[in-house]
Amino acid sequence: LPVGGQLHIRYVPKPQPELAVSLDGKTFTPVPAELKHANYVPCLSLLNSDVTVQIEDLGASQCDASEGRKLIPERLWQDRLFTDCTVTCGSSEFHCHRAVLANASAVWRTALESSFREGREAKLRIENADPCAVEAVLRYVYTREFELDYAAAALGLAHRYEMSSLVSLCAQQMLEGVTEENVAKRASTMNVYLEHEEVAKVWPEFLKIIGQDPSLIAALIVKVRCA
C-alpha cells in the first residue's frame, strides 16, 4: 500500500459471509477465509498514527447492528477479560468492569468515582445480601437476562442501587408462579418497597392473584400467625 493510498475493506454478511479488500474502492478481491454466520465487530490494528479509518456499514440492518451491540456486554460477562473492579458479597467475588457498573447504577458510579475506599480499591462491597442474588443482578447488568428464582431477593438490591428497570422486572416476575410456599415471602418483600413506583404498579395485580386463590389466602394467613 503506497503512502497516501487507501485500503478498502468490505464485509458482506448475506447470503454468504464474505470479507473483501480493494485499493481503488471499486474492484474488491475476496479474502481467502471461510466465515461463519455471526455478529462481527470491526477491529483494526494500526501500526502508524497517520492512518485515517472510515467505516461504512453496507450490509447490516439496524437490527443487526443493535444485536451486535447487545452481544458485546454479554461477551464481557462470559469472558471476564480486562476486568478492572471487584464486587464482593460475603466470601464471593465477582470480577467486573467499572464502565459497565457505573452505567448501570448511579450509586455504583458515585462509589467508583469517589476518593474513598471503594474508589481507590475499585471494590464494591455488598452487605446483607445473598451472593447468588448479587450474581443474578450482575448478570442482568451485562446480559439483560434474569432468573425468576432470584426476583424477590434481587428486588431489594435493585432498589438499593437505584436500578429502576430491574426493580420493574423483579416486581413483574414476582407475579408469576405464586405458590403457597412463596406467597408470604413475596408479599412481605413487595410491601417493603411499595413506595417505589414500579412496585406500586403491580401490587394490585398481586393482590388480585392472591384473592382469586383460597389456598394462597390460607397460606398467607398461616405465615402471618406464625410470625
Protein backbone atom coordinates (compact mmCIF):
# COMPACT_ATOMS: atom_id res chain seq x y z
CA LEU A 1 0.00 0.00 0.00
CA PRO A 2 1.67 3.25 -1.09
CA VAL A 3 1.94 6.28 1.20
CA GLY A 4 -1.29 8.23 0.93
CA GLY A 5 -3.10 5.25 -0.56
CA GLN A 6 -6.36 3.78 0.65
CA LEU A 7 -7.25 0.25 1.60
CA HIS A 8 -10.95 -0.52 1.44
CA ILE A 9 -12.29 -3.44 3.46
CA ARG A 10 -15.81 -4.69 2.84
CA TYR A 11 -17.76 -7.24 4.83
CA VAL A 12 -21.00 -8.60 3.39
CA PRO A 13 -23.00 -10.76 5.84
CA LYS A 14 -25.64 -12.18 3.49
CA PRO A 15 -26.31 -14.53 1.82
CA GLN A 16 -22.81 -15.93 2.43
CA PRO A 17 -20.43 -14.01 4.73
CA GLU A 18 -17.55 -12.54 2.74
CA LEU A 19 -14.62 -10.25 3.53
CA ALA A 20 -13.02 -8.43 0.60
CA VAL A 21 -10.35 -5.76 0.09
CA SER A 22 -9.75 -3.11 -2.56
CA LEU A 23 -7.20 -0.39 -3.33
CA ASP A 24 -9.47 1.70 -5.52
CA GLY A 25 -12.80 1.18 -3.74
CA LYS A 26 -14.32 -0.32 -6.88
CA THR A 27 -12.79 -3.70 -7.58
CA PHE A 28 -12.84 -5.91 -4.49
CA THR A 29 -10.88 -9.12 -4.05
CA PRO A 30 -12.34 -11.68 -1.61
CA VAL A 31 -10.11 -12.65 1.30
CA PRO A 32 -9.47 -16.42 1.16
CA ALA A 33 -11.07 -17.19 4.53
CA GLU A 34 -14.21 -19.13 5.35
CA LEU A 35 -16.51 -17.05 7.56
CA LYS A 36 -19.45 -18.35 9.53
CA HIS A 37 -22.72 -16.51 10.02
CA ALA A 38 -22.24 -14.45 13.18
CA ASN A 39 -22.24 -10.91 14.57
CA TYR A 40 -18.86 -9.37 13.79
CA VAL A 41 -17.43 -6.17 15.26
CA PRO A 42 -14.79 -4.29 13.18
CA CYS A 43 -11.35 -4.47 14.79
CA LEU A 44 -8.27 -2.92 13.15
CA SER A 45 -4.69 -2.90 14.47
CA LEU A 46 -2.88 0.25 13.27
CA LEU A 47 0.90 0.50 13.49
CA ASN A 48 1.04 4.07 12.23
CA SER A 49 -0.86 7.00 13.72
CA ASP A 50 -1.00 8.76 10.31
CA VAL A 51 -3.79 6.49 9.13
CA THR A 52 -7.37 7.56 8.51
CA VAL A 53 -10.08 4.97 9.03
CA GLN A 54 -13.58 5.24 7.61
CA ILE A 55 -16.14 2.51 8.22
CA GLU A 56 -19.31 2.20 6.18
CA ASP A 57 -21.95 -0.33 7.16
CA LEU A 58 -23.30 -1.54 3.84
CA GLY A 59 -24.74 -4.91 4.67
CA ALA A 60 -26.04 -4.97 8.23
CA SER A 61 -29.53 -3.76 9.05
CA GLN A 62 -30.33 -1.58 12.03
CA CYS A 63 -31.48 -4.72 13.82
CA ASP A 64 -28.18 -6.49 13.07
CA ALA A 65 -26.19 -3.56 14.45
CA SER A 66 -28.35 -3.46 17.55
CA GLU A 67 -27.84 -7.18 18.13
CA GLY A 68 -24.09 -6.71 17.77
CA ARG A 69 -24.08 -4.01 20.44
CA LYS A 70 -26.06 -6.26 22.78
CA LEU A 71 -23.55 -9.07 22.37
CA ILE A 72 -20.56 -7.00 23.49
CA PRO A 73 -21.58 -6.79 27.19
CA GLU A 74 -22.58 -10.46 27.09
CA ARG A 75 -19.11 -11.39 25.92
CA LEU A 76 -17.56 -9.23 28.62
CA TRP A 77 -19.61 -11.12 31.23
CA GLN A 78 -18.76 -14.53 29.81
CA ASP A 79 -15.07 -13.96 29.11
CA ARG A 80 -14.25 -11.60 32.01
CA LEU A 81 -11.38 -10.11 30.03
CA PHE A 82 -9.73 -6.86 31.17
CA THR A 83 -11.82 -6.55 34.33
CA ASP A 84 -10.85 -3.57 36.48
CA CYS A 85 -13.02 -3.80 39.59
CA THR A 86 -14.39 -6.35 42.03
CA VAL A 87 -17.80 -6.82 43.62
CA THR A 88 -17.75 -8.80 46.85
CA CYS A 89 -20.59 -10.35 48.84
CA GLY A 90 -19.59 -12.47 51.79
CA SER A 91 -16.85 -14.81 50.57
CA SER A 92 -17.89 -14.46 46.92
CA GLU A 93 -16.03 -12.21 44.49
CA PHE A 94 -17.14 -11.13 41.03
CA HIS A 95 -14.67 -9.50 38.65
CA CYS A 96 -16.36 -6.78 36.62
CA HIS A 97 -15.80 -3.66 34.54
CA ARG A 98 -16.20 -0.24 36.14
CA ALA A 99 -17.64 1.31 32.98
CA VAL A 100 -20.41 -1.30 32.84
CA LEU A 101 -21.32 -0.99 36.53
CA ALA A 102 -21.19 2.81 36.51
CA ASN A 103 -23.53 2.88 33.54
CA ALA A 104 -25.97 0.53 35.29
CA SER A 105 -26.19 2.28 38.66
CA ALA A 106 -25.72 5.89 39.71
CA VAL A 107 -24.91 4.63 43.21
CA TRP A 108 -22.10 2.44 41.90
CA ARG A 109 -20.86 5.27 39.69
CA THR A 110 -20.57 7.59 42.69
CA ALA A 111 -18.76 4.94 44.73
CA LEU A 112 -16.28 4.11 41.98
CA GLU A 113 -15.56 7.76 41.23
CA SER A 114 -15.07 8.69 44.88
CA SER A 115 -11.78 9.15 46.72
CA PHE A 116 -12.98 6.81 49.43
CA ARG A 117 -12.07 3.16 49.81
CA GLU A 118 -14.41 1.87 47.09
CA GLY A 119 -12.97 4.26 44.52
CA ARG A 120 -9.33 3.79 45.50
CA GLU A 121 -9.53 0.00 45.54
CA ALA A 122 -12.13 -0.34 42.76
CA LYS A 123 -14.01 -2.72 45.01
CA LEU A 124 -17.74 -2.65 45.80
CA ARG A 125 -18.79 -4.46 48.97
CA ILE A 126 -22.40 -5.61 49.14
CA GLU A 127 -23.59 -6.43 52.64
CA ASN A 128 -26.68 -8.29 53.87
CA ALA A 129 -27.39 -10.00 50.58
CA ASP A 130 -27.45 -13.44 49.01
CA PRO A 131 -24.33 -13.90 46.82
CA CYS A 132 -26.43 -15.79 44.26
CA ALA A 133 -28.82 -12.84 44.03
CA VAL A 134 -25.87 -10.46 43.62
CA GLU A 135 -24.56 -12.60 40.79
CA ALA A 136 -28.01 -12.62 39.18
CA VAL A 137 -28.10 -8.80 39.34
CA LEU A 138 -24.64 -8.52 37.79
CA ARG A 139 -25.58 -10.96 35.07
CA TYR A 140 -28.62 -8.81 34.31
CA VAL A 141 -26.45 -5.69 34.13
CA TYR A 142 -24.33 -7.32 31.44
CA THR A 143 -26.80 -9.51 29.55
CA ARG A 144 -30.28 -8.17 30.40
CA GLU A 145 -31.21 -11.74 31.29
CA PHE A 146 -32.65 -12.52 34.71
CA GLU A 147 -33.64 -15.65 36.60
CA LEU A 148 -37.13 -15.76 38.11
CA ASP A 149 -35.91 -17.61 41.21
CA TYR A 150 -33.99 -14.54 42.40
CA ALA A 151 -36.69 -11.91 41.81
CA ALA A 152 -37.62 -11.49 45.48
CA ALA A 153 -34.02 -11.38 46.70
CA ALA A 154 -32.87 -9.08 43.89
CA LEU A 155 -35.69 -6.57 44.30
CA GLY A 156 -34.04 -5.10 47.39
CA LEU A 157 -30.67 -4.87 45.62
CA ALA A 158 -32.22 -3.18 42.60
CA HIS A 159 -33.92 -0.68 44.90
CA ARG A 160 -30.75 -0.11 46.93
CA TYR A 161 -28.65 0.63 43.86
CA GLU A 162 -31.33 2.62 42.01
CA MET A 163 -31.80 0.28 39.07
CA SER A 164 -35.34 1.18 38.15
CA SER A 165 -35.56 -1.17 35.16
CA LEU A 166 -34.54 -4.12 37.33
CA VAL A 167 -36.99 -3.10 40.06
CA SER A 168 -39.73 -3.21 37.44
CA LEU A 169 -38.57 -6.58 36.10
CA CYS A 170 -38.36 -8.16 39.57
CA ALA A 171 -41.81 -6.85 40.51
CA GLN A 172 -43.29 -8.16 37.27
CA GLN A 173 -41.67 -11.57 37.67
CA MET A 174 -42.96 -11.88 41.22
CA LEU A 175 -46.45 -12.07 39.76
CA GLU A 176 -45.51 -15.34 38.08
CA GLY A 177 -45.52 -18.70 39.79
CA VAL A 178 -47.08 -17.57 43.07
CA THR A 179 -47.46 -20.63 45.31
CA GLU A 180 -48.39 -21.44 48.90
CA GLU A 181 -44.68 -21.76 49.65
CA ASN A 182 -43.60 -18.35 48.35
CA VAL A 183 -46.68 -16.14 48.64
CA ALA A 184 -45.80 -14.82 52.10
CA LYS A 185 -42.20 -14.04 51.18
CA ARG A 186 -43.25 -12.22 48.03
CA ALA A 187 -45.98 -10.27 49.78
CA SER A 188 -43.58 -9.20 52.52
CA THR A 189 -40.87 -8.19 50.06
CA MET A 190 -43.17 -6.19 47.80
CA ASN A 191 -44.73 -4.46 50.80
CA VAL A 192 -41.30 -3.22 51.95
CA TYR A 193 -40.69 -1.49 48.62
CA LEU A 194 -44.25 -0.46 47.92
CA GLU A 195 -43.30 3.21 47.78
CA HIS A 196 -41.37 2.55 44.58
CA GLU A 197 -43.47 3.42 41.54
CA GLU A 198 -42.68 0.20 39.68
CA VAL A 199 -43.67 -1.98 42.64
CA ALA A 200 -46.82 0.02 43.29
CA LYS A 201 -47.88 -0.59 39.69
CA VAL A 202 -48.03 -4.37 40.09
CA TRP A 203 -49.24 -4.51 43.71
CA PRO A 204 -52.98 -4.50 42.79
CA GLU A 205 -52.42 -7.38 40.36
CA PHE A 206 -50.53 -9.32 43.04
CA LEU A 207 -53.43 -8.87 45.48
CA LYS A 208 -55.83 -9.98 42.76
CA ILE A 209 -53.85 -13.18 42.21
CA ILE A 210 -53.98 -13.97 45.92
CA GLY A 211 -57.66 -13.05 46.24
CA GLN A 212 -58.64 -15.48 43.48
CA ASP A 213 -56.99 -18.46 45.15
CA PRO A 214 -58.26 -19.54 48.62
CA SER A 215 -55.16 -21.71 49.16
CA LEU A 216 -52.90 -18.68 48.78
CA ILE A 217 -55.01 -16.69 51.23
CA ALA A 218 -54.82 -19.55 53.73
CA ALA A 219 -51.06 -19.91 53.33
CA LEU A 220 -50.59 -16.17 53.83
CA ILE A 221 -52.72 -16.19 56.99
CA VAL A 222 -50.77 -19.12 58.41
CA LYS A 223 -47.45 -17.34 57.85
CA VAL A 224 -48.77 -14.18 59.50
CA ARG A 225 -49.95 -16.14 62.54
CA CYS A 226 -46.58 -17.89 62.83
CA ALA A 227 -44.80 -14.55 62.67
